[in-house]
């Protein structure tokens, strides 16, 4: 758990206004079907504590975009909603997500200084850092990346890996391949998207919960034209949980669906401030 000096005496964190150039650099270009990774949505018990964790520990920037309170990181937004969750990500199909750091030794030293809960095994270039509400973040080091930190992957446990890869290919244009920075059996079980890789691993015995209502409630993909994309999904026989609609007082359009294994997915249009 975070050192008491990080949790106690929560400080106000200033919202940072995004210039179009800054915002445009945050999300990757769209893939061939008009999709890119955009965000992770967390249900949190205390937004101020999460602000501090995601800015002071993980290296993000707090931004306010209309009604949304978000953490900006290269390749992703972390959206924070104050809501009591039914449980942590562990126990659900979507177990954790990961970031990669350009200077991992300096990052580890900074985490140690602030008392972050870092758990590292035998690989000095990989480990986990635990945040509030049971959020488990895997980290890697890679001096070759052009930014200090960037979104890397999500990690799901599923009963049928081949079917998952096929679904994400058909529905969102995911490209099967190998996860960067790791090798060995099972590491070809991924679907690549602009900005992020979805990693699949075999689930053990027992049923894993849906992500809905957990502290890691859903992942989000940005699409070029949400209304047209919804029609495409309907033609594929994909049922939307919530049809496209506009968030009041914003230009953001949103829709929801759930994959066959229980991962809740939001589709957005105009989420990034540069798109508005």
C-alpha atoms as a PDB file:
ATOM      1  CA  UNK A   1       0.000   0.000   0.000  1.00  0.00           C
ATOM      2  CA  UNK A   2       1.184   3.551  -0.571  1.00  0.00           C
ATOM      3  CA  UNK A   3       3.270   5.198   2.101  1.00  0.00           C
ATOM      4  CA  UNK A   4       1.183   7.287   4.473  1.00  0.00           C
ATOM      5  CA  UNK A   5       2.793  10.510   3.270  1.00  0.00           C
ATOM      6  CA  UNK A   6       1.316   9.835  -0.175  1.00  0.00           C
ATOM      7  CA  UNK A   7      -2.171   9.035   1.066  1.00  0.00           C
ATOM      8  CA  UNK A   8      -2.447  11.468   3.973  1.00  0.00           C
ATOM      9  CA  UNK A   9      -3.175  15.125   3.534  1.00  0.00           C
ATOM     10  CA  UNK A  10      -4.492  14.911  -0.008  1.00  0.00           C
ATOM     11  CA  UNK A  11      -3.364  17.949  -1.988  1.00  0.00           C
ATOM     12  CA  UNK A  12      -5.331  19.698  -4.686  1.00  0.00           C
ATOM     13  CA  UNK A  13      -4.127  18.739  -8.146  1.00  0.00           C
ATOM     14  CA  UNK A  14      -4.553  21.410 -10.793  1.00  0.00           C
ATOM     15  CA  UNK A  15      -6.386  20.506 -13.984  1.00  0.00           C
ATOM     16  CA  UNK A  16      -4.130  21.011 -16.982  1.00  0.00           C
ATOM     17  CA  UNK A  17      -5.545  22.559 -20.147  1.00  0.00           C
ATOM     18  CA  UNK A  18      -4.574  20.553 -23.215  1.00  0.00           C
ATOM     19  CA  UNK A  19      -3.370  22.251 -26.347  1.00  0.00           C
ATOM     20  CA  UNK A  20      -4.474  20.528 -29.567  1.00  0.00           C
ATOM     21  CA  UNK A  21      -0.912  19.404 -30.252  1.00  0.00           C
ATOM     22  CA  UNK A  22      -0.503  17.887 -26.795  1.00  0.00           C
ATOM     23  CA  UNK A  23      -3.819  16.079 -26.922  1.00  0.00           C
ATOM     24  CA  UNK A  24      -3.339  14.771 -30.447  1.00  0.00           C
ATOM     25  CA  UNK A  25      -0.091  13.124 -29.390  1.00  0.00           C
ATOM     26  CA  UNK A  26      -1.830  11.091 -26.717  1.00  0.00           C
ATOM     27  CA  UNK A  27      -3.802   8.612 -28.809  1.00  0.00           C
ATOM     28  CA  UNK A  28      -2.391   6.492 -31.614  1.00  0.00           C
ATOM     29  CA  UNK A  29      -3.662   6.773 -35.217  1.00  0.00           C
ATOM     30  CA  UNK A  30      -6.728   4.734 -36.155  1.00  0.00           C
ATOM     31  CA  UNK A  31      -6.340   1.245 -37.580  1.00  0.00           C
ATOM     32  CA  UNK A  32      -7.749   0.140 -40.919  1.00  0.00           C
ATOM     33  CA  UNK A  33     -11.304  -0.175 -39.608  1.00  0.00           C
ATOM     34  CA  UNK A  34     -11.256   3.190 -37.826  1.00  0.00           C
ATOM     35  CA  UNK A  35     -10.522   2.003 -34.270  1.00  0.00           C
ATOM     36  CA  UNK A  36      -7.816   2.861 -31.739  1.00  0.00           C
ATOM     37  CA  UNK A  37      -7.388   2.267 -28.035  1.00  0.00           C
ATOM     38  CA  UNK A  38      -8.485   5.247 -25.927  1.00  0.00           C
ATOM     39  CA  UNK A  39      -9.084   4.665 -22.225  1.00  0.00           C
ATOM     40  CA  UNK A  40      -9.498   2.563 -19.114  1.00  0.00           C
ATOM     41  CA  UNK A  41     -12.376   3.431 -16.796  1.00  0.00           C
ATOM     42  CA  UNK A  42     -11.951   2.997 -13.046  1.00  0.00           C
ATOM     43  CA  UNK A  43     -14.615   3.063 -10.350  1.00  0.00           C
ATOM     44  CA  UNK A  44     -12.867   4.528  -7.318  1.00  0.00           C
ATOM     45  CA  UNK A  45     -13.594   5.117  -3.652  1.00  0.00           C
ATOM     46  CA  UNK A  46     -11.627   8.393  -3.504  1.00  0.00           C
ATOM     47  CA  UNK A  47     -10.830  10.438  -6.600  1.00  0.00           C
ATOM     48  CA  UNK A  48      -8.260  12.615  -4.813  1.00  0.00           C
ATOM     49  CA  UNK A  49      -6.214   9.582  -3.768  1.00  0.00           C
ATOM     50  CA  UNK A  50      -6.317   8.275  -7.339  1.00  0.00           C
ATOM     51  CA  UNK A  51      -5.265  11.684  -8.660  1.00  0.00           C
ATOM     52  CA  UNK A  52      -2.198  11.551  -6.469  1.00  0.00           C
ATOM     53  CA  UNK A  53      -1.404   7.960  -7.356  1.00  0.00           C
ATOM     54  CA  UNK A  54      -1.719   8.433 -11.123  1.00  0.00           C
ATOM     55  CA  UNK A  55       0.173  11.724 -11.210  1.00  0.00           C
ATOM     56  CA  UNK A  56       2.810  11.408  -8.487  1.00  0.00           C
ATOM     57  CA  UNK A  57       3.472   7.674  -8.793  1.00  0.00           C
ATOM     58  CA  UNK A  58       2.585   6.679 -12.350  1.00  0.00           C
ATOM     59  CA  UNK A  59       3.637   9.875 -14.139  1.00  0.00           C
ATOM     60  CA  UNK A  60       0.304  10.957 -15.614  1.00  0.00           C
ATOM     61  CA  UNK A  61      -1.350  14.376 -15.818  1.00  0.00           C
ATOM     62  CA  UNK A  62      -4.775  15.158 -14.382  1.00  0.00           C
ATOM     63  CA  UNK A  63      -7.158  16.773 -16.862  1.00  0.00           C
ATOM     64  CA  UNK A  64     -10.809  17.764 -16.798  1.00  0.00           C
ATOM     65  CA  UNK A  65     -12.762  17.359 -20.021  1.00  0.00           C
ATOM     66  CA  UNK A  66     -16.369  18.401 -19.599  1.00  0.00           C
ATOM     67  CA  UNK A  67     -17.881  16.107 -16.962  1.00  0.00           C
ATOM     68  CA  UNK A  68     -14.939  13.688 -17.131  1.00  0.00           C
ATOM     69  CA  UNK A  69     -12.060  13.583 -14.664  1.00  0.00           C
ATOM     70  CA  UNK A  70      -9.176  11.876 -16.408  1.00  0.00           C
ATOM     71  CA  UNK A  71      -5.513  11.033 -16.158  1.00  0.00           C
ATOM     72  CA  UNK A  72      -3.625  11.624 -19.391  1.00  0.00           C
ATOM     73  CA  UNK A  73      -0.762   9.286 -20.288  1.00  0.00           C
ATOM     74  CA  UNK A  74       0.786   8.784 -23.738  1.00  0.00           C
ATOM     75  CA  UNK A  75      -1.488   6.333 -25.525  1.00  0.00           C
ATOM     76  CA  UNK A  76      -4.296   6.304 -22.972  1.00  0.00           C
ATOM     77  CA  UNK A  77      -6.628   8.153 -20.682  1.00  0.00           C
ATOM     78  CA  UNK A  78      -7.572   6.808 -17.261  1.00  0.00           C
ATOM     79  CA  UNK A  79     -11.121   7.973 -16.476  1.00  0.00           C
ATOM     80  CA  UNK A  80     -12.035   8.177 -12.778  1.00  0.00           C
ATOM     81  CA  UNK A  81     -15.607   7.861 -11.508  1.00  0.00           C
ATOM     82  CA  UNK A  82     -16.478   8.021  -7.819  1.00  0.00           C
ATOM     83  CA  UNK A  83     -18.448   4.827  -7.207  1.00  0.00           C
ATOM     84  CA  UNK A  84     -18.152   1.909  -4.808  1.00  0.00           C
ATOM     85  CA  UNK A  85     -17.027  -1.093  -6.841  1.00  0.00           C
ATOM     86  CA  UNK A  86     -18.163  -4.684  -6.345  1.00  0.00           C
ATOM     87  CA  UNK A  87     -14.537  -5.816  -6.145  1.00  0.00           C
ATOM     88  CA  UNK A  88     -11.020  -5.342  -7.538  1.00  0.00           C
ATOM     89  CA  UNK A  89      -9.994  -6.465 -11.016  1.00  0.00           C
ATOM     90  CA  UNK A  90      -8.670  -9.754  -9.589  1.00  0.00           C
ATOM     91  CA  UNK A  91     -11.485 -12.269  -9.872  1.00  0.00           C
ATOM     92  CA  UNK A  92     -12.794 -10.769 -13.095  1.00  0.00           C
ATOM     93  CA  UNK A  93     -11.896 -11.682 -16.656  1.00  0.00           C
ATOM     94  CA  UNK A  94      -9.776  -8.509 -17.050  1.00  0.00           C
ATOM     95  CA  UNK A  95      -7.060  -8.955 -14.433  1.00  0.00           C
ATOM     96  CA  UNK A  96      -4.657  -6.073 -14.951  1.00  0.00           C
ATOM     97  CA  UNK A  97      -3.062  -3.681 -17.401  1.00  0.00           C
ATOM     98  CA  UNK A  98       0.473  -2.519 -17.989  1.00  0.00           C
ATOM     99  CA  UNK A  99       2.715   0.420 -18.839  1.00  0.00           C
ATOM    100  CA  UNK A 100       6.260   0.638 -20.121  1.00  0.00           C
ATOM    101  CA  UNK A 101       8.850   3.129 -18.781  1.00  0.00           C
ATOM    102  CA  UNK A 102      11.824   4.573 -20.620  1.00  0.00           C
ATOM    103  CA  UNK A 103      14.052   4.845 -17.530  1.00  0.00           C
ATOM    104  CA  UNK A 104      12.914   2.029 -15.268  1.00  0.00           C
ATOM    105  CA  UNK A 105      15.749   2.291 -12.692  1.00  0.00           C
ATOM    106  CA  UNK A 106      14.898   5.961 -12.063  1.00  0.00           C
ATOM    107  CA  UNK A 107      11.208   5.118 -11.939  1.00  0.00           C
ATOM    108  CA  UNK A 108      11.760   2.345  -9.387  1.00  0.00           C
ATOM    109  CA  UNK A 109      13.870   4.699  -7.261  1.00  0.00           C
ATOM    110  CA  UNK A 110      11.090   7.297  -7.330  1.00  0.00           C
ATOM    111  CA  UNK A 111       8.469   4.702  -6.428  1.00  0.00           C
ATOM    112  CA  UNK A 112      10.596   3.538  -3.501  1.00  0.00           C
ATOM    113  CA  UNK A 113      10.956   7.117  -2.306  1.00  0.00           C
ATOM    114  CA  UNK A 114       7.182   7.645  -2.168  1.00  0.00           C
ATOM    115  CA  UNK A 115       6.492   4.232  -0.615  1.00  0.00           C
ATOM    116  CA  UNK A 116       4.671   2.687  -3.564  1.00  0.00           C
ATOM    117  CA  UNK A 117       3.746  -0.990  -3.289  1.00  0.00           C
ATOM    118  CA  UNK A 118       6.146  -2.441  -5.877  1.00  0.00           C
ATOM    119  CA  UNK A 119       6.394  -6.214  -6.317  1.00  0.00           C
ATOM    120  CA  UNK A 120       9.278  -7.413  -8.455  1.00  0.00           C
ATOM    121  CA  UNK A 121      10.258 -11.003  -9.157  1.00  0.00           C
ATOM    122  CA  UNK A 122      13.367 -12.412 -10.772  1.00  0.00           C
ATOM    123  CA  UNK A 123      13.130 -10.236 -13.894  1.00  0.00           C
ATOM    124  CA  UNK A 124      14.711  -6.843 -13.109  1.00  0.00           C
ATOM    125  CA  UNK A 125      12.948  -5.316 -16.110  1.00  0.00           C
ATOM    126  CA  UNK A 126       9.411  -6.316 -15.104  1.00  0.00           C
ATOM    127  CA  UNK A 127       7.154  -6.273 -12.078  1.00  0.00           C
ATOM    128  CA  UNK A 128       3.931  -4.929 -10.613  1.00  0.00           C
ATOM    129  CA  UNK A 129       2.901  -1.809  -8.754  1.00  0.00           C
ATOM    130  CA  UNK A 130      -0.348  -1.822  -6.805  1.00  0.00           C
ATOM    131  CA  UNK A 131      -2.608   1.185  -6.618  1.00  0.00           C
ATOM    132  CA  UNK A 132      -5.747   2.113  -4.688  1.00  0.00           C
ATOM    133  CA  UNK A 133      -8.863  -0.072  -4.956  1.00  0.00           C
ATOM    134  CA  UNK A 134      -6.855  -3.170  -5.846  1.00  0.00           C
ATOM    135  CA  UNK A 135      -5.682  -1.813  -9.211  1.00  0.00           C
ATOM    136  CA  UNK A 136      -2.734  -3.956 -10.322  1.00  0.00           C
ATOM    137  CA  UNK A 137      -0.394  -2.417 -12.919  1.00  0.00           C
ATOM    138  CA  UNK A 138       2.340  -4.413 -14.625  1.00  0.00           C
ATOM    139  CA  UNK A 139       5.427  -2.473 -15.674  1.00  0.00           C
ATOM    140  CA  UNK A 140       8.320  -2.988 -18.068  1.00  0.00           C
ATOM    141  CA  UNK A 141      11.395  -0.975 -18.905  1.00  0.00           C
ATOM    142  CA  UNK A 142      12.293  -0.077 -22.472  1.00  0.00           C
ATOM    143  CA  UNK A 143      14.883   2.659 -23.178  1.00  0.00           C
ATOM    144  CA  UNK A 144      13.811   2.683 -26.842  1.00  0.00           C
ATOM    145  CA  UNK A 145      10.391   4.270 -26.303  1.00  0.00           C
ATOM    146  CA  UNK A 146      10.255   7.980 -27.262  1.00  0.00           C
ATOM    147  CA  UNK A 147       8.345   9.145 -24.154  1.00  0.00           C
ATOM    148  CA  UNK A 148       8.925   8.627 -20.403  1.00  0.00           C
ATOM    149  CA  UNK A 149       5.917   6.293 -20.056  1.00  0.00           C
ATOM    150  CA  UNK A 150       3.327   4.807 -22.392  1.00  0.00           C
ATOM    151  CA  UNK A 151       0.387   2.425 -22.355  1.00  0.00           C
ATOM    152  CA  UNK A 152       1.399  -1.152 -23.155  1.00  0.00           C
ATOM    153  CA  UNK A 153      -1.259  -3.853 -22.647  1.00  0.00           C
ATOM    154  CA  UNK A 154      -4.257  -5.276 -20.887  1.00  0.00           C
ATOM    155  CA  UNK A 155      -4.266  -8.878 -19.644  1.00  0.00           C
ATOM    156  CA  UNK A 156      -7.382 -11.066 -19.670  1.00  0.00           C
ATOM    157  CA  UNK A 157      -7.936 -14.652 -18.517  1.00  0.00           C
ATOM    158  CA  UNK A 158     -10.312 -16.460 -20.845  1.00  0.00           C
ATOM    159  CA  UNK A 159     -11.442 -20.054 -21.534  1.00  0.00           C
ATOM    160  CA  UNK A 160     -10.936 -19.905 -25.321  1.00  0.00           C
ATOM    161  CA  UNK A 161      -7.958 -17.851 -26.483  1.00  0.00           C
ATOM    162  CA  UNK A 162      -8.391 -18.569 -30.192  1.00  0.00           C
ATOM    163  CA  UNK A 163     -12.027 -17.467 -30.068  1.00  0.00           C
ATOM    164  CA  UNK A 164     -11.042 -14.269 -28.238  1.00  0.00           C
ATOM    165  CA  UNK A 165      -8.459 -13.310 -30.838  1.00  0.00           C
ATOM    166  CA  UNK A 166     -10.962 -13.988 -33.602  1.00  0.00           C
ATOM    167  CA  UNK A 167     -13.679 -11.899 -31.898  1.00  0.00           C
ATOM    168  CA  UNK A 168     -11.393  -8.906 -31.344  1.00  0.00           C
ATOM    169  CA  UNK A 169     -10.205  -9.167 -34.944  1.00  0.00           C
ATOM    170  CA  UNK A 170     -13.728  -9.317 -36.346  1.00  0.00           C
ATOM    171  CA  UNK A 171     -15.306  -6.720 -34.077  1.00  0.00           C
ATOM    172  CA  UNK A 172     -12.520  -4.169 -33.513  1.00  0.00           C
ATOM    173  CA  UNK A 173      -9.858  -4.910 -36.108  1.00  0.00           C
ATOM    174  CA  UNK A 174      -7.323  -6.364 -33.669  1.00  0.00           C
ATOM    175  CA  UNK A 175      -4.227  -7.871 -35.297  1.00  0.00           C
ATOM    176  CA  UNK A 176      -2.993 -11.201 -33.846  1.00  0.00           C
ATOM    177  CA  UNK A 177       0.695 -11.172 -32.980  1.00  0.00           C
ATOM    178  CA  UNK A 178       3.345 -11.276 -30.273  1.00  0.00           C
ATOM    179  CA  UNK A 179       3.551  -8.984 -27.279  1.00  0.00           C
ATOM    180  CA  UNK A 180       6.594  -6.692 -27.275  1.00  0.00           C
ATOM    181  CA  UNK A 181       9.351  -7.176 -24.680  1.00  0.00           C
ATOM    182  CA  UNK A 182       8.293 -10.722 -23.772  1.00  0.00           C
ATOM    183  CA  UNK A 183       8.858 -14.085 -25.435  1.00  0.00           C
ATOM    184  CA  UNK A 184       8.148 -17.763 -24.917  1.00  0.00           C
ATOM    185  CA  UNK A 185       5.125 -20.067 -25.086  1.00  0.00           C
ATOM    186  CA  UNK A 186       1.798 -18.270 -24.924  1.00  0.00           C
ATOM    187  CA  UNK A 187       3.112 -14.814 -25.754  1.00  0.00           C
ATOM    188  CA  UNK A 188       1.663 -14.969 -29.261  1.00  0.00           C
ATOM    189  CA  UNK A 189      -1.812 -14.906 -27.710  1.00  0.00           C
ATOM    190  CA  UNK A 190      -2.417 -11.203 -28.238  1.00  0.00           C
ATOM    191  CA  UNK A 191      -4.417  -8.796 -30.364  1.00  0.00           C
ATOM    192  CA  UNK A 192      -2.661  -5.560 -31.317  1.00  0.00           C
ATOM    193  CA  UNK A 193      -4.468  -2.235 -31.524  1.00  0.00           C
ATOM    194  CA  UNK A 194      -3.083   1.227 -32.152  1.00  0.00           C
ATOM    195  CA  UNK A 195      -1.964   2.323 -28.694  1.00  0.00           C
ATOM    196  CA  UNK A 196      -2.316  -0.991 -26.849  1.00  0.00           C
ATOM    197  CA  UNK A 197      -2.113  -4.783 -26.975  1.00  0.00           C
ATOM    198  CA  UNK A 198      -4.801  -7.066 -25.528  1.00  0.00           C
ATOM    199  CA  UNK A 199      -3.116 -10.131 -24.014  1.00  0.00           C
ATOM    200  CA  UNK A 200      -5.027 -13.372 -23.420  1.00  0.00           C
ATOM    201  CA  UNK A 201      -4.088 -16.152 -21.016  1.00  0.00           C
ATOM    202  CA  UNK A 202      -5.870 -19.412 -20.250  1.00  0.00           C
ATOM    203  CA  UNK A 203      -8.309 -19.185 -17.373  1.00  0.00           C
ATOM    204  CA  UNK A 204      -8.120 -21.810 -14.664  1.00  0.00           C
ATOM    205  CA  UNK A 205     -11.060 -23.654 -13.213  1.00  0.00           C
ATOM    206  CA  UNK A 206     -14.021 -21.682 -11.978  1.00  0.00           C
ATOM    207  CA  UNK A 207     -15.966 -18.778 -13.399  1.00  0.00           C
ATOM    208  CA  UNK A 208     -14.483 -15.314 -13.636  1.00  0.00           C
ATOM    209  CA  UNK A 209     -16.753 -12.327 -13.105  1.00  0.00           C
ATOM    210  CA  UNK A 210     -17.680  -9.724 -15.670  1.00  0.00           C
ATOM    211  CA  UNK A 211     -15.752  -6.476 -15.419  1.00  0.00           C
ATOM    212  CA  UNK A 212     -18.937  -4.434 -14.999  1.00  0.00           C
ATOM    213  CA  UNK A 213     -19.040  -2.886 -11.553  1.00  0.00           C
ATOM    214  CA  UNK A 214     -15.449  -3.831 -10.664  1.00  0.00           C
ATOM    215  CA  UNK A 215     -12.860  -1.163  -9.925  1.00  0.00           C
ATOM    216  CA  UNK A 216     -11.555  -1.743 -13.483  1.00  0.00           C
ATOM    217  CA  UNK A 217     -14.993  -1.481 -15.042  1.00  0.00           C
ATOM    218  CA  UNK A 218     -14.219  -1.373 -18.751  1.00  0.00           C
ATOM    219  CA  UNK A 219     -11.819  -0.543 -21.546  1.00  0.00           C
ATOM    220  CA  UNK A 220     -12.528   2.021 -24.205  1.00  0.00           C
ATOM    221  CA  UNK A 221     -11.859   2.233 -27.908  1.00  0.00           C
ATOM    222  CA  UNK A 222     -12.216   5.382 -29.971  1.00  0.00           C
ATOM    223  CA  UNK A 223     -13.883   5.072 -33.393  1.00  0.00           C
ATOM    224  CA  UNK A 224     -14.010   7.570 -36.239  1.00  0.00           C
ATOM    225  CA  UNK A 225     -17.782   7.506 -36.748  1.00  0.00           C
ATOM    226  CA  UNK A 226     -19.699   5.855 -33.940  1.00  0.00           C
ATOM    227  CA  UNK A 227     -23.093   5.769 -35.617  1.00  0.00           C
ATOM    228  CA  UNK A 228     -21.686   4.055 -38.702  1.00  0.00           C
ATOM    229  CA  UNK A 229     -19.601   1.688 -36.607  1.00  0.00           C
ATOM    230  CA  UNK A 230     -22.649   0.685 -34.592  1.00  0.00           C
ATOM    231  CA  UNK A 231     -24.438  -0.214 -37.824  1.00  0.00           C
ATOM    232  CA  UNK A 232     -21.450  -2.328 -38.846  1.00  0.00           C
ATOM    233  CA  UNK A 233     -21.535  -4.219 -35.537  1.00  0.00           C
ATOM    234  CA  UNK A 234     -25.269  -4.809 -35.857  1.00  0.00           C
ATOM    235  CA  UNK A 235     -24.667  -6.258 -39.333  1.00  0.00           C
ATOM    236  CA  UNK A 236     -22.144  -8.644 -37.765  1.00  0.00           C
ATOM    237  CA  UNK A 237     -24.753  -9.759 -35.228  1.00  0.00           C
ATOM    238  CA  UNK A 238     -23.073  -7.914 -32.345  1.00  0.00           C
ATOM    239  CA  UNK A 239     -25.595  -6.647 -29.822  1.00  0.00           C
ATOM    240  CA  UNK A 240     -24.865  -3.295 -28.197  1.00  0.00           C
ATOM    241  CA  UNK A 241     -25.660  -2.951 -24.497  1.00  0.00           C
ATOM    242  CA  UNK A 242     -26.227   0.770 -25.002  1.00  0.00           C
ATOM    243  CA  UNK A 243     -26.751   2.355 -28.446  1.00  0.00           C
ATOM    244  CA  UNK A 244     -24.814   5.450 -29.516  1.00  0.00           C
ATOM    245  CA  UNK A 245     -25.789   8.576 -27.641  1.00  0.00           C
ATOM    246  CA  UNK A 246     -24.238  11.923 -26.863  1.00  0.00           C
ATOM    247  CA  UNK A 247     -23.048  12.811 -23.367  1.00  0.00           C
ATOM    248  CA  UNK A 248     -25.001  15.940 -22.356  1.00  0.00           C
ATOM    249  CA  UNK A 249     -23.156  19.237 -22.734  1.00  0.00           C
ATOM    250  CA  UNK A 250     -20.288  17.631 -24.670  1.00  0.00           C
ATOM    251  CA  UNK A 251     -19.449  16.537 -28.216  1.00  0.00           C
ATOM    252  CA  UNK A 252     -18.593  13.052 -26.956  1.00  0.00           C
ATOM    253  CA  UNK A 253     -20.634  10.155 -28.316  1.00  0.00           C
ATOM    254  CA  UNK A 254     -20.556   6.801 -26.553  1.00  0.00           C
ATOM    255  CA  UNK A 255     -21.924   3.254 -26.790  1.00  0.00           C
ATOM    256  CA  UNK A 256     -21.325   0.054 -24.833  1.00  0.00           C
ATOM    257  CA  UNK A 257     -21.002  -3.614 -25.621  1.00  0.00           C
ATOM    258  CA  UNK A 258     -19.672  -6.643 -23.740  1.00  0.00           C
ATOM    259  CA  UNK A 259     -17.433  -9.284 -25.251  1.00  0.00           C
ATOM    260  CA  UNK A 260     -18.588 -12.924 -24.936  1.00  0.00           C
ATOM    261  CA  UNK A 261     -16.290 -13.496 -21.937  1.00  0.00           C
ATOM    262  CA  UNK A 262     -17.464 -10.574 -19.809  1.00  0.00           C
ATOM    263  CA  UNK A 263     -15.181  -7.636 -20.604  1.00  0.00           C
ATOM    264  CA  UNK A 264     -17.212  -4.462 -20.847  1.00  0.00           C
ATOM    265  CA  UNK A 265     -16.155  -2.212 -23.739  1.00  0.00           C
ATOM    266  CA  UNK A 266     -16.997   1.417 -24.386  1.00  0.00           C
ATOM    267  CA  UNK A 267     -16.855   2.867 -27.882  1.00  0.00           C
ATOM    268  CA  UNK A 268     -16.376   6.627 -28.036  1.00  0.00           C
ATOM    269  CA  UNK A 269     -16.190   9.382 -30.605  1.00  0.00           C
ATOM    270  CA  UNK A 270     -14.487  12.701 -29.761  1.00  0.00           C
ATOM    271  CA  UNK A 271     -13.185  11.562 -26.368  1.00  0.00           C
ATOM    272  CA  UNK A 272      -9.780  13.207 -26.818  1.00  0.00           C
ATOM    273  CA  UNK A 273      -9.964  17.015 -26.419  1.00  0.00           C
ATOM    274  CA  UNK A 274      -8.105  17.466 -29.739  1.00  0.00           C
ATOM    275  CA  UNK A 275     -11.017  15.810 -31.522  1.00  0.00           C
ATOM    276  CA  UNK A 276     -13.457  18.411 -30.288  1.00  0.00           C
END
